[in-house]
Amino acid sequence: MAWGRMELPAAESANGEPGPYRAAIVGKPARIRRAQQDGLLDAAWDPIDIMAPVSQIALTWSDQAELAALAPAARRLWKRSQELLD
């Protein structure tokens, strides 16, 4: 995902520590795999294939919070995704 490094805050700081974007996604694939093993998510999907649309939805909602307020189903989906990924 090299494009993400160009558009978002630095992937790494000057001293090599993870930047905010990288820190936000570290460990998510493993959490998704655990959710798949627990039967909470379809195991046919690759974790990265799940993360891509979920990340895009989250970025959209973070900039336009009123969108989630308009759709009760979207609020439930967002809440459930947070529970699964936290």
Protein backbone atom coordinates (compact mmCIF):
# COMPACT_ATOMS: atom_id res chain seq x y z
CA MET A 1 0.00 0.00 0.00
CA ALA A 2 2.64 2.50 -0.95
CA TRP A 3 -0.03 5.00 -2.05
CA GLY A 4 -1.13 5.28 1.56
CA ARG A 5 2.26 6.60 2.55
CA MET A 6 1.88 9.47 0.11
CA GLU A 7 -1.62 10.52 1.15
CA LEU A 8 -1.61 9.99 4.90
CA PRO A 9 0.74 11.02 7.70
CA ALA A 10 4.17 9.46 7.47
CA ALA A 11 4.21 5.68 7.74
CA GLU A 12 7.33 5.93 9.87
CA SER A 13 8.82 8.68 11.95
CA ALA A 14 12.37 9.91 11.45
CA ASN A 15 13.66 7.42 14.03
CA GLY A 16 11.95 4.45 12.33
CA GLU A 17 9.06 4.13 14.78
CA PRO A 18 5.64 3.41 13.26
CA GLY A 19 3.79 6.55 12.22
CA PRO A 20 0.09 7.05 12.99
CA TYR A 21 -1.15 5.28 9.85
CA ARG A 22 1.05 2.21 10.30
CA ALA A 23 0.35 2.09 14.03
CA ALA A 24 -3.39 2.07 13.30
CA ILE A 25 -3.20 -1.00 11.06
CA VAL A 26 -0.55 -3.10 12.81
CA GLY A 27 -2.15 -6.25 14.12
CA LYS A 28 -5.48 -5.84 12.29
CA PRO A 29 -4.95 -8.78 9.89
CA ALA A 30 -4.29 -11.08 12.85
CA ARG A 31 -7.43 -9.82 14.61
CA ILE A 32 -9.47 -10.42 11.47
CA ARG A 33 -8.07 -13.96 11.17
CA ARG A 34 -9.05 -14.62 14.79
CA ALA A 35 -12.58 -13.36 14.08
CA GLN A 36 -12.70 -15.69 11.06
CA GLN A 37 -11.53 -18.65 13.14
CA ASP A 38 -14.19 -17.81 15.72
CA GLY A 39 -16.84 -17.85 12.99
CA LEU A 40 -17.58 -14.11 13.22
CA LEU A 41 -16.40 -13.32 9.67
CA ASP A 42 -16.46 -15.28 6.44
CA ALA A 43 -13.16 -17.15 6.27
CA ALA A 44 -13.20 -17.06 2.45
CA TRP A 45 -12.10 -13.42 2.50
CA ASP A 46 -8.46 -12.45 2.84
CA PRO A 47 -8.01 -10.09 5.82
CA ILE A 48 -6.55 -7.38 3.56
CA ASP A 49 -9.59 -7.64 1.28
CA ILE A 50 -11.76 -6.96 4.32
CA MET A 51 -9.58 -4.12 5.59
CA ALA A 52 -9.63 -2.17 2.31
CA PRO A 53 -13.37 -1.39 2.10
CA VAL A 54 -13.73 -1.08 5.89
CA SER A 55 -10.89 1.46 5.94
CA GLN A 56 -12.47 3.45 3.12
CA ILE A 57 -15.82 3.50 4.91
CA ALA A 58 -14.14 4.58 8.14
CA LEU A 59 -12.23 7.37 6.40
CA THR A 60 -15.42 8.61 4.76
CA TRP A 61 -17.36 8.55 8.02
CA SER A 62 -14.55 10.21 9.97
CA ASP A 63 -14.80 13.19 7.65
CA GLN A 64 -18.62 13.17 7.44
CA ALA A 65 -19.99 11.87 10.73
CA GLU A 66 -23.48 12.98 9.74
CA LEU A 67 -23.59 10.09 7.22
CA ALA A 68 -23.64 7.50 9.99
CA ALA A 69 -26.40 9.40 11.79
CA LEU A 70 -28.60 9.09 8.70
CA ALA A 71 -28.41 5.31 8.47
CA PRO A 72 -29.20 3.13 11.51
CA ALA A 73 -27.88 0.03 9.72
CA ALA A 74 -24.62 1.83 9.00
CA ARG A 75 -24.28 2.73 12.68
CA ARG A 76 -24.78 -0.92 13.64
CA LEU A 77 -22.22 -2.02 11.05
CA TRP A 78 -19.70 0.55 12.26
CA LYS A 79 -20.21 -0.43 15.90
CA ARG A 80 -19.88 -4.14 15.08
CA SER A 81 -16.73 -3.55 13.02
CA GLN A 82 -15.17 -1.68 15.94
CA GLU A 83 -16.02 -4.51 18.31
CA LEU A 84 -14.47 -7.09 15.96
CA LEU A 85 -11.30 -5.12 15.30
CA ASP A 86 -10.64 -3.88 18.84
